[in-house]
Amino acid sequence: MTATATRLEQKRRLTGAFPGPRSQELAQRRSAVVAAGVASSVPVYAADADGAIIRDVDGNQFIDLGSGIAVTSVGASDPAVVAAVQESVEHFTHTCFMVTPYEGYIAVAEQLNALTPGDHEKRTVLFNSGAEAVENAVKVARLATGRNAVVVFDHAYHGRTNLTMALTAKSMPYKHGFGPFAPEVYRVPMSYPYREETDIKGEDAARRAISMIEKQVGADQVAAILIEPVQGEGGFIVPAEGFLPTLAAWAKETGVVFIADEVQSGFCRTGAWFASEHENVVPDLITMAKGIAGGLPLSAVTGRADLLDAVHGGGLGGTYGGNPVACAAALAAIETMKEQDLAARAARIGDTISSRLRAVAEKTDIIGEVRGRGAMMAVELVKPGTAATTKEPNPEATKAIVQAALAEGVILLTCGTYGNVIRLLPPLVIGDELLTDALDVLEAAILAA
């Protein structure tokens, strides 16, 4: 891997009061004009970001182990992305692909058709956000199959629009008070190895879900199964081996469209270009966003040509979908991923985090499980003394650890249905020295909890 050149020194640095006076001033201005429903987990305001470092308006430098929720996988302000964006905006910022098309959209589609699993004929359509991609994948599946039902899973997160809220499992804060929701959405049990009541194999967990689908919905009524190969907001849950292939095989047998939501797990994050590849699953449709464009808003649905071409002209699209500047950024980000082999780098990051956190787990009884794939790692925290018995979630310790790490200059994110999971999503270009420093801070915070 060739290191990316950076502008900011790749070290954490705290200059004084936290949050500083400029951040406090901006917080006051924000409270007067920004809707209260928009929450921020970190009380400082960014002035610059580069590589794996975020500098706030008071000059503090933080190690970013969140990557803007898995977005800046190639690092903040990746030089190739910056250059591509600068070159693009000199020509045009928008024409709308549905009015006056342009080459960048086609080039991104060519890349996604080649990179996603499977050697079948594919098509791609571009959008703006992950939720928009998921919603359109469901539209495609329903039209192509002539069926209505969509099957989703416990702990799932698929977005905040009306349909994707229905697809999402967790009520607070994503769904609470926002109903009624879209109909014909059915939820079945996920494979969650750490919290299974009995030791159940992946194939058996899949058959449990399939049995529920067949009894309560009917296979001939199901348009699509929608699943995150590694669940994101639900807790970075990696299903037991065999779960995904068994579901995919059943979907193929019954004419159900198998949709892999790779919005958070895609683009080298898990040590492969897409998390589906770890068990050789070839989805019918894949939804993508986040890491696709180095920080610019872009999303996509890629999949079987017969499914996507079944939609009538004008049935897919959007004013900003596949914006030319975002497409330029995506092409540059993908090239960076290839040149630096960031999939392999993600795997090495995962090995480092996993071995380090498992060693920490031997020193404390509040770590229930360390899990994940590649640079999509998590630690699930439980109440003291319950790891081997009730596995009682410990959101209080989770919050305390994140706050303690932030006070030392490390940004962490939480997730999980029970609010008790710390997720680690470092930029894939983070240096070993910086990663080790961040893990030192995390270890100290865990042991102090």
Protein backbone atom coordinates (compact mmCIF):
# COMPACT_ATOMS: atom_id res chain seq x y z
CA MET A 1 0.00 0.00 0.00
CA THR A 2 1.31 3.42 -1.00
CA ALA A 3 0.55 5.97 1.71
CA THR A 4 -1.70 8.87 0.76
CA ALA A 5 -0.10 12.30 1.08
CA THR A 6 -1.77 14.39 3.79
CA ARG A 7 -1.92 18.08 4.63
CA LEU A 8 -2.59 17.74 8.37
CA GLU A 9 -0.17 16.06 10.72
CA GLN A 10 -1.62 12.63 11.42
CA LYS A 11 -1.56 12.98 15.22
CA ARG A 12 -4.17 13.79 17.82
CA ARG A 13 -3.69 17.04 19.68
CA LEU A 14 -5.77 18.78 22.33
CA THR A 15 -5.11 22.48 22.85
CA GLY A 16 -7.12 23.30 25.96
CA ALA A 17 -10.76 23.52 27.04
CA PHE A 18 -13.10 20.99 25.51
CA PRO A 19 -15.26 21.91 23.74
CA GLY A 20 -13.39 25.11 22.96
CA PRO A 21 -14.85 28.63 22.80
CA ARG A 22 -15.45 28.63 19.04
CA SER A 23 -17.31 25.32 19.22
CA GLN A 24 -19.39 26.65 22.10
CA GLU A 25 -20.20 29.77 20.10
CA LEU A 26 -21.29 27.70 17.10
CA ALA A 27 -23.42 25.49 19.36
CA GLN A 28 -25.31 28.58 20.52
CA ARG A 29 -25.83 29.77 16.95
CA ARG A 30 -26.98 26.29 15.95
CA SER A 31 -29.60 26.07 18.71
CA ALA A 32 -31.27 29.18 17.32
CA VAL A 33 -31.56 28.01 13.72
CA VAL A 34 -31.12 24.24 13.32
CA ALA A 35 -33.99 21.86 14.02
CA ALA A 36 -33.61 20.11 17.38
CA GLY A 37 -34.31 16.75 15.77
CA VAL A 38 -30.90 16.83 14.09
CA ALA A 39 -28.53 15.39 16.69
CA SER A 40 -24.73 15.35 16.68
CA SER A 41 -22.73 12.90 18.75
CA VAL A 42 -19.62 15.09 19.02
CA PRO A 43 -19.85 18.61 20.58
CA VAL A 44 -17.04 20.14 18.50
CA TYR A 45 -17.27 21.74 15.07
CA ALA A 46 -15.00 20.68 12.23
CA ALA A 47 -12.81 23.21 10.44
CA ASP A 48 -10.64 20.79 8.47
CA ALA A 49 -10.30 17.06 7.89
CA ASP A 50 -7.53 15.12 6.24
CA GLY A 51 -6.65 11.43 6.20
CA ALA A 52 -7.77 10.08 9.57
CA ILE A 53 -7.67 13.42 11.40
CA ILE A 54 -10.43 15.95 12.05
CA ARG A 55 -9.36 19.41 13.22
CA ASP A 56 -11.99 21.47 15.02
CA VAL A 57 -12.51 25.23 14.99
CA ASP A 58 -10.45 25.58 18.17
CA GLY A 59 -7.41 23.78 16.75
CA ASN A 60 -7.94 20.40 18.43
CA GLN A 61 -7.08 17.36 16.31
CA PHE A 62 -9.08 14.15 16.71
CA ILE A 63 -8.43 10.66 15.39
CA ASP A 64 -11.50 9.77 13.40
CA LEU A 65 -12.57 6.17 13.98
CA GLY A 66 -15.97 6.78 12.42
CA SER A 67 -15.14 8.01 8.90
CA GLY A 68 -18.36 10.02 8.85
CA ILE A 69 -20.19 6.69 9.31
CA ALA A 70 -18.09 4.68 6.84
CA VAL A 71 -18.04 7.39 4.18
CA THR A 72 -14.45 8.67 4.03
CA SER A 73 -12.94 5.22 3.55
CA VAL A 74 -10.21 6.62 1.28
CA GLY A 75 -9.52 9.24 3.94
CA ALA A 76 -10.86 12.75 4.35
CA SER A 77 -9.80 15.05 1.53
CA ASP A 78 -8.21 12.26 -0.50
CA PRO A 79 -5.98 14.08 -3.02
CA ALA A 80 -7.30 12.10 -5.97
CA VAL A 81 -10.91 12.84 -5.02
CA VAL A 82 -10.14 16.53 -4.46
CA ALA A 83 -8.42 16.82 -7.83
CA ALA A 84 -11.26 15.04 -9.63
CA VAL A 85 -13.86 17.28 -8.01
CA GLN A 86 -11.90 20.44 -8.85
CA GLU A 87 -11.55 19.39 -12.47
CA SER A 88 -15.22 18.45 -12.70
CA VAL A 89 -16.67 21.67 -11.29
CA GLU A 90 -14.72 23.71 -13.81
CA HIS A 91 -16.94 22.26 -16.54
CA PHE A 92 -20.42 21.82 -15.06
CA THR A 93 -21.96 21.07 -11.69
CA HIS A 94 -25.30 19.80 -12.99
CA THR A 95 -27.30 19.13 -16.11
CA CYS A 96 -29.53 16.27 -14.85
CA PHE A 97 -28.72 12.92 -16.43
CA MET A 98 -32.39 12.53 -17.34
CA VAL A 99 -32.17 15.69 -19.47
CA THR A 100 -28.63 16.01 -20.81
CA PRO A 101 -26.60 12.88 -19.96
CA TYR A 102 -22.84 12.78 -19.50
CA GLU A 103 -20.01 10.26 -19.54
CA GLY A 104 -19.26 10.22 -15.81
CA TYR A 105 -22.55 8.50 -14.97
CA ILE A 106 -21.83 5.80 -17.55
CA ALA A 107 -18.26 5.34 -16.28
CA VAL A 108 -19.44 4.84 -12.70
CA ALA A 109 -22.02 2.31 -13.87
CA GLU A 110 -19.31 0.44 -15.78
CA GLN A 111 -17.15 0.28 -12.65
CA LEU A 112 -19.99 -0.91 -10.41
CA ASN A 113 -21.10 -3.56 -12.91
CA ALA A 114 -17.53 -4.90 -12.95
CA LEU A 115 -16.83 -4.70 -9.21
CA THR A 116 -20.02 -6.17 -7.75
CA PRO A 117 -20.27 -9.96 -7.28
CA GLY A 118 -21.29 -12.17 -10.19
CA ASP A 119 -20.40 -12.36 -13.88
CA HIS A 120 -23.99 -12.04 -15.14
CA GLU A 121 -25.16 -9.11 -17.26
CA LYS A 122 -25.81 -6.11 -15.02
CA ARG A 123 -27.28 -2.65 -15.04
CA THR A 124 -26.81 0.29 -12.64
CA VAL A 125 -28.87 3.31 -11.66
CA LEU A 126 -27.50 6.15 -9.53
CA PHE A 127 -29.16 8.10 -6.72
CA ASN A 128 -28.16 10.37 -3.82
CA SER A 129 -28.51 8.49 -0.52
CA GLY A 130 -28.54 4.96 0.83
CA ALA A 131 -32.22 5.16 1.70
CA GLU A 132 -33.02 6.28 -1.84
CA ALA A 133 -31.09 3.32 -3.26
CA VAL A 134 -32.89 0.86 -0.98
CA GLU A 135 -36.30 2.30 -1.80
CA ASN A 136 -35.64 2.03 -5.52
CA ALA A 137 -34.32 -1.53 -5.21
CA VAL A 138 -37.63 -2.48 -3.60
CA LYS A 139 -39.52 -0.70 -6.39
CA VAL A 140 -37.59 -2.69 -8.99
CA ALA A 141 -38.20 -6.00 -7.22
CA ARG A 142 -41.92 -5.37 -6.88
CA LEU A 143 -42.37 -4.37 -10.49
CA ALA A 144 -40.21 -7.17 -11.90
CA THR A 145 -41.89 -9.93 -9.85
CA GLY A 146 -45.42 -8.59 -9.73
CA ARG A 147 -45.42 -9.28 -5.99
CA ASN A 148 -45.73 -6.90 -3.03
CA ALA A 149 -44.27 -8.39 0.15
CA VAL A 150 -40.76 -7.46 1.33
CA VAL A 151 -38.99 -9.49 4.01
CA VAL A 152 -36.52 -7.78 6.36
CA PHE A 153 -34.78 -8.80 9.58
CA ASP A 154 -34.55 -8.02 13.27
CA HIS A 155 -31.97 -5.31 14.08
CA ALA A 156 -32.02 -4.06 10.47
CA TYR A 157 -31.42 -0.46 9.46
CA HIS A 158 -32.26 0.67 5.93
CA GLY A 159 -32.96 4.41 6.16
CA ARG A 160 -35.24 7.24 7.28
CA THR A 161 -37.71 7.71 4.40
CA ASN A 162 -41.24 6.38 4.85
CA LEU A 163 -40.61 3.02 3.19
CA THR A 164 -37.14 2.57 4.67
CA MET A 165 -38.43 3.42 8.15
CA ALA A 166 -40.83 0.53 7.73
CA LEU A 167 -37.90 -1.66 6.70
CA THR A 168 -35.83 -0.53 9.71
CA ALA A 169 -36.25 -2.47 12.95
CA LYS A 170 -35.37 0.02 15.69
CA SER A 171 -38.09 2.41 16.82
CA MET A 172 -36.20 5.10 18.74
CA PRO A 173 -34.98 7.38 17.27
CA TYR A 174 -35.63 6.30 13.70
CA LYS A 175 -39.36 5.50 13.67
CA HIS A 176 -40.90 6.76 16.89
CA GLY A 177 -43.90 8.97 16.18
CA PHE A 178 -43.43 9.03 12.43
CA GLY A 179 -46.06 6.48 11.34
CA PRO A 180 -48.13 5.17 9.69
CA PHE A 181 -45.57 3.23 7.72
CA ALA A 182 -45.55 1.57 4.32
CA PRO A 183 -47.42 -1.77 4.22
CA GLU A 184 -46.42 -5.27 3.09
CA VAL A 185 -43.18 -5.35 5.11
CA TYR A 186 -42.56 -8.51 7.13
CA ARG A 187 -39.83 -9.00 9.74
CA VAL A 188 -38.15 -12.30 10.60
CA PRO A 189 -35.36 -13.31 13.01
CA MET A 190 -31.77 -12.45 12.18
CA SER A 191 -28.82 -14.71 12.87
CA TYR A 192 -27.23 -12.96 15.87
CA PRO A 193 -24.77 -15.57 17.17
CA TYR A 194 -23.89 -13.77 20.40
CA ARG A 195 -27.53 -13.43 21.45
CA GLU A 196 -29.02 -16.69 20.19
CA GLU A 197 -30.72 -18.60 23.02
CA THR A 198 -29.19 -21.83 21.75
CA ASP A 199 -26.16 -22.64 19.62
CA ILE A 200 -27.75 -22.60 16.17
CA LYS A 201 -25.91 -23.01 12.88
CA GLY A 202 -26.30 -20.45 10.14
CA GLU A 203 -28.20 -22.82 7.87
CA ASP A 204 -30.68 -23.61 10.65
CA ALA A 205 -31.13 -19.95 11.51
CA ALA A 206 -31.91 -19.30 7.85
CA ARG A 207 -34.42 -22.14 7.77
CA ARG A 208 -36.06 -20.67 10.88
CA ALA A 209 -36.57 -17.43 8.98
CA ILE A 210 -37.67 -19.21 5.81
CA SER A 211 -40.23 -21.23 7.73
CA MET A 212 -41.73 -18.05 9.13
CA ILE A 213 -41.85 -16.48 5.65
CA GLU A 214 -43.57 -19.48 4.13
CA LYS A 215 -46.12 -19.76 6.93
CA GLN A 216 -46.93 -16.11 7.46
CA VAL A 217 -46.44 -14.57 4.02
CA GLY A 218 -46.14 -17.26 1.36
CA ALA A 219 -43.16 -17.52 -0.93
CA ASP A 220 -45.25 -16.67 -3.98
CA GLN A 221 -46.17 -13.31 -2.40
CA VAL A 222 -42.62 -12.19 -1.63
CA ALA A 223 -41.01 -9.72 -4.02
CA ALA A 224 -37.71 -9.44 -2.15
CA ILE A 225 -35.57 -10.41 0.78
CA LEU A 226 -33.59 -7.37 1.92
CA ILE A 227 -30.61 -7.89 4.22
CA GLU A 228 -27.36 -6.25 5.30
CA PRO A 229 -24.59 -8.87 4.96
CA VAL A 230 -23.13 -7.26 8.08
CA GLN A 231 -25.77 -5.31 9.95
CA GLY A 232 -24.75 -1.73 10.62
CA GLU A 233 -26.85 0.33 13.03
CA GLY A 234 -28.18 -2.90 14.53
CA GLY A 235 -24.80 -3.65 16.07
CA PHE A 236 -22.32 -4.76 13.39
CA ILE A 237 -23.88 -8.20 13.56
CA VAL A 238 -22.12 -10.82 11.44
CA PRO A 239 -24.57 -13.68 10.79
CA ALA A 240 -23.43 -17.24 11.39
CA GLU A 241 -21.68 -18.89 8.46
CA GLY A 242 -24.21 -20.39 6.07
CA PHE A 243 -27.05 -17.99 6.93
CA LEU A 244 -26.71 -15.74 3.87
CA PRO A 245 -26.04 -18.51 1.30
CA THR A 246 -29.05 -20.50 2.52
CA LEU A 247 -31.34 -17.46 2.22
CA ALA A 248 -29.95 -16.61 -1.20
CA ALA A 249 -30.45 -20.19 -2.44
CA TRP A 250 -34.08 -20.22 -1.22
CA ALA A 251 -34.71 -16.86 -2.90
CA LYS A 252 -33.38 -18.17 -6.20
CA GLU A 253 -35.55 -21.30 -6.00
CA THR A 254 -38.72 -19.32 -5.29
CA GLY A 255 -38.22 -16.37 -7.63
CA VAL A 256 -37.65 -13.92 -4.77
CA VAL A 257 -35.25 -11.07 -5.45
CA PHE A 258 -32.31 -11.19 -3.03
CA ILE A 259 -31.21 -7.62 -2.22
CA ALA A 260 -27.97 -7.05 -0.34
CA ASP A 261 -27.90 -3.70 1.43
CA GLU A 262 -24.17 -2.89 1.24
CA VAL A 263 -24.59 0.81 1.99
CA GLN A 264 -22.30 0.60 5.03
CA SER A 265 -20.39 -2.61 4.32
CA GLY A 266 -19.40 -1.96 0.71
CA PHE A 267 -16.29 -0.57 -0.98
CA CYS A 268 -13.49 -2.50 0.71
CA ARG A 269 -14.80 -1.85 4.23
CA THR A 270 -14.93 -5.51 5.31
CA GLY A 271 -11.76 -6.71 3.61
CA ALA A 272 -13.50 -7.41 0.31
CA TRP A 273 -15.06 -5.05 -2.18
CA PHE A 274 -18.45 -6.17 -0.85
CA ALA A 275 -19.33 -8.10 2.28
CA SER A 276 -21.45 -10.55 0.26
CA GLU A 277 -18.22 -11.93 -1.19
CA HIS A 278 -17.06 -13.45 2.10
CA GLU A 279 -19.49 -16.34 1.59
CA ASN A 280 -19.62 -16.18 -2.22
CA VAL A 281 -23.15 -14.81 -2.22
CA VAL A 282 -24.19 -13.21 -5.52
CA PRO A 283 -27.14 -10.88 -4.84
CA ASP A 284 -29.73 -10.11 -7.48
CA LEU A 285 -29.50 -6.43 -6.54
CA ILE A 286 -26.97 -4.54 -4.41
CA THR A 287 -27.56 -1.14 -2.83
CA MET A 288 -24.52 1.07 -2.25
CA ALA A 289 -23.67 4.52 -0.88
CA LYS A 290 -21.40 5.89 1.90
CA GLY A 291 -17.86 4.89 0.82
CA ILE A 292 -18.66 5.09 -2.88
CA ALA A 293 -17.54 8.69 -3.55
CA GLY A 294 -15.03 9.81 -0.94
CA GLY A 295 -17.53 12.01 0.89
CA LEU A 296 -19.77 13.32 -1.87
CA PRO A 297 -23.45 12.27 -1.93
CA LEU A 298 -23.93 9.36 -4.30
CA SER A 299 -25.66 5.99 -4.13
CA ALA A 300 -26.44 3.19 -6.53
CA VAL A 301 -28.43 0.08 -7.26
CA THR A 302 -26.57 -2.49 -9.34
CA GLY A 303 -27.85 -5.90 -10.32
CA ARG A 304 -29.38 -8.25 -12.83
CA ALA A 305 -30.07 -6.62 -16.16
CA ASP A 306 -33.42 -8.36 -16.55
CA LEU A 307 -34.67 -6.88 -13.28
CA LEU A 308 -33.51 -3.31 -13.79
CA ASP A 309 -34.45 -3.27 -17.49
CA ALA A 310 -37.97 -4.43 -16.61
CA VAL A 311 -38.78 -0.93 -15.37
CA HIS A 312 -40.50 1.36 -17.89
CA GLY A 313 -38.70 4.45 -19.17
CA GLY A 314 -38.88 7.28 -16.63
CA GLY A 315 -39.65 4.89 -13.78
CA LEU A 316 -36.21 5.34 -12.21
CA GLY A 317 -34.16 8.46 -11.67
CA GLY A 318 -34.18 11.79 -9.86
CA THR A 319 -33.05 15.35 -10.44
CA TYR A 320 -29.72 15.00 -8.67
CA GLY A 321 -29.13 11.27 -9.04
CA GLY A 322 -25.65 10.60 -10.38
CA ASN A 323 -24.57 14.23 -10.08
CA PRO A 324 -21.54 14.77 -12.34
CA VAL A 325 -19.26 16.05 -9.57
CA ALA A 326 -20.18 13.12 -7.34
CA CYS A 327 -19.52 10.73 -10.23
CA ALA A 328 -16.06 12.24 -10.72
CA ALA A 329 -15.38 11.77 -7.01
CA ALA A 330 -16.56 8.16 -7.16
CA LEU A 331 -14.29 7.31 -10.06
CA ALA A 332 -11.33 8.79 -8.19
CA ALA A 333 -12.22 7.03 -4.92
CA ILE A 334 -12.56 3.68 -6.67
CA GLU A 335 -9.19 4.19 -8.34
CA THR A 336 -7.61 4.96 -4.96
CA MET A 337 -9.12 1.77 -3.54
CA LYS A 338 -7.64 -0.23 -6.39
CA GLU A 339 -4.21 1.41 -6.41
CA GLN A 340 -3.75 1.12 -2.65
CA ASP A 341 -5.50 -2.26 -2.35
CA LEU A 342 -7.68 -0.94 0.44
CA ALA A 343 -9.57 -4.22 0.72
CA ALA A 344 -6.36 -5.90 1.89
CA ARG A 345 -5.61 -2.92 4.10
CA ALA A 346 -9.07 -3.23 5.69
CA ALA A 347 -8.37 -6.88 6.48
CA ARG A 348 -5.10 -5.95 8.21
CA ILE A 349 -6.83 -3.18 10.17
CA GLY A 350 -9.43 -5.72 11.28
CA ASP A 351 -6.73 -8.12 12.46
CA THR A 352 -5.07 -5.36 14.48
CA ILE A 353 -8.31 -4.19 16.11
CA SER A 354 -9.56 -7.70 16.78
CA SER A 355 -6.39 -8.96 18.45
CA ARG A 356 -6.09 -5.79 20.52
CA LEU A 357 -9.68 -5.79 21.76
CA ARG A 358 -9.69 -9.51 22.50
CA ALA A 359 -6.67 -8.93 24.70
CA VAL A 360 -8.56 -6.13 26.47
CA ALA A 361 -11.53 -8.48 26.94
CA GLU A 362 -9.32 -10.75 29.05
CA LYS A 363 -8.81 -7.88 31.49
CA THR A 364 -12.46 -6.91 32.03
CA ASP A 365 -15.84 -8.60 32.27
CA ILE A 366 -17.85 -5.87 30.52
CA ILE A 367 -16.85 -6.94 27.01
CA GLY A 368 -19.39 -9.46 25.82
CA GLU A 369 -18.09 -9.93 22.30
CA VAL A 370 -15.61 -8.52 19.80
CA ARG A 371 -16.85 -9.04 16.24
CA GLY A 372 -16.89 -7.75 12.71
CA ARG A 373 -15.18 -8.07 9.35
CA GLY A 374 -12.17 -6.10 8.19
CA ALA A 375 -12.31 -2.46 9.22
CA MET A 376 -15.93 -2.81 10.29
CA MET A 377 -15.32 -3.94 13.87
CA ALA A 378 -17.34 -3.67 17.05
CA VAL A 379 -17.25 -4.44 20.75
CA GLU A 380 -20.52 -5.27 22.52
CA LEU A 381 -20.60 -4.22 26.17
CA VAL A 382 -22.57 -5.94 28.93
CA LYS A 383 -23.16 -5.36 32.63
CA PRO A 384 -20.37 -6.68 34.88
CA GLY A 385 -20.64 -10.38 35.57
CA THR A 386 -23.28 -11.07 32.90
CA ALA A 387 -21.11 -11.89 29.88
CA ALA A 388 -21.43 -15.65 30.45
CA THR A 389 -25.04 -15.60 31.62
CA THR A 390 -27.73 -13.01 30.87
CA LYS A 391 -25.53 -10.81 28.61
CA GLU A 392 -27.37 -7.78 29.96
CA PRO A 393 -26.65 -4.78 27.69
CA ASN A 394 -24.57 -1.97 29.18
CA PRO A 395 -25.41 1.26 27.34
CA GLU A 396 -24.19 3.32 30.30
CA ALA A 397 -20.63 2.02 30.00
CA THR A 398 -20.81 2.38 26.23
CA LYS A 399 -21.65 6.06 26.52
CA ALA A 400 -19.01 6.64 29.21
CA ILE A 401 -16.27 5.00 27.11
CA VAL A 402 -17.11 7.05 24.03
CA GLN A 403 -17.10 10.27 26.04
CA ALA A 404 -13.81 9.40 27.75
CA ALA A 405 -12.17 8.61 24.40
CA LEU A 406 -13.44 11.86 22.89
CA ALA A 407 -11.94 13.82 25.81
CA GLU A 408 -8.60 12.27 24.84
CA GLY A 409 -8.98 13.09 21.15
CA VAL A 410 -10.53 9.95 19.64
CA ILE A 411 -13.91 9.98 17.89
CA LEU A 412 -15.92 6.76 18.30
CA LEU A 413 -19.44 5.84 17.20
CA THR A 414 -22.02 3.68 18.92
CA CYS A 415 -24.73 1.45 17.50
CA GLY A 416 -26.84 -1.56 18.40
CA THR A 417 -30.48 -2.21 19.13
CA TYR A 418 -29.67 -1.91 22.83
CA GLY A 419 -27.27 1.04 22.50
CA ASN A 420 -24.40 -1.04 23.88
CA VAL A 421 -22.06 -1.45 20.91
CA ILE A 422 -19.00 0.64 20.04
CA ARG A 423 -18.26 0.45 16.33
CA LEU A 424 -14.90 1.09 14.76
CA LEU A 425 -14.86 2.41 11.20
CA PRO A 426 -11.43 3.98 10.67
CA PRO A 427 -10.46 5.38 7.29
CA LEU A 428 -8.80 2.56 5.39
CA VAL A 429 -5.75 4.77 4.86
CA ILE A 430 -5.09 5.24 8.58
CA GLY A 431 -1.47 4.61 9.52
CA ASP A 432 -0.48 1.88 11.94
CA GLU A 433 0.98 4.35 14.43
CA LEU A 434 -2.17 6.44 14.52
CA LEU A 435 -4.40 3.37 14.80
CA THR A 436 -2.31 2.05 17.70
CA ASP A 437 -2.56 5.41 19.46
CA ALA A 438 -6.35 5.40 19.09
CA LEU A 439 -6.58 1.83 20.41
CA ASP A 440 -4.44 2.81 23.40
CA VAL A 441 -7.00 5.49 24.24
CA LEU A 442 -9.90 3.06 23.72
CA GLU A 443 -8.32 0.42 25.92
CA ALA A 444 -7.76 2.90 28.75
CA ALA A 445 -11.35 4.11 28.48
CA ILE A 446 -12.73 0.55 28.58
CA LEU A 447 -10.66 -0.44 31.59
CA ALA A 448 -11.67 2.75 33.39
CA ALA A 449 -15.39 2.13 32.81
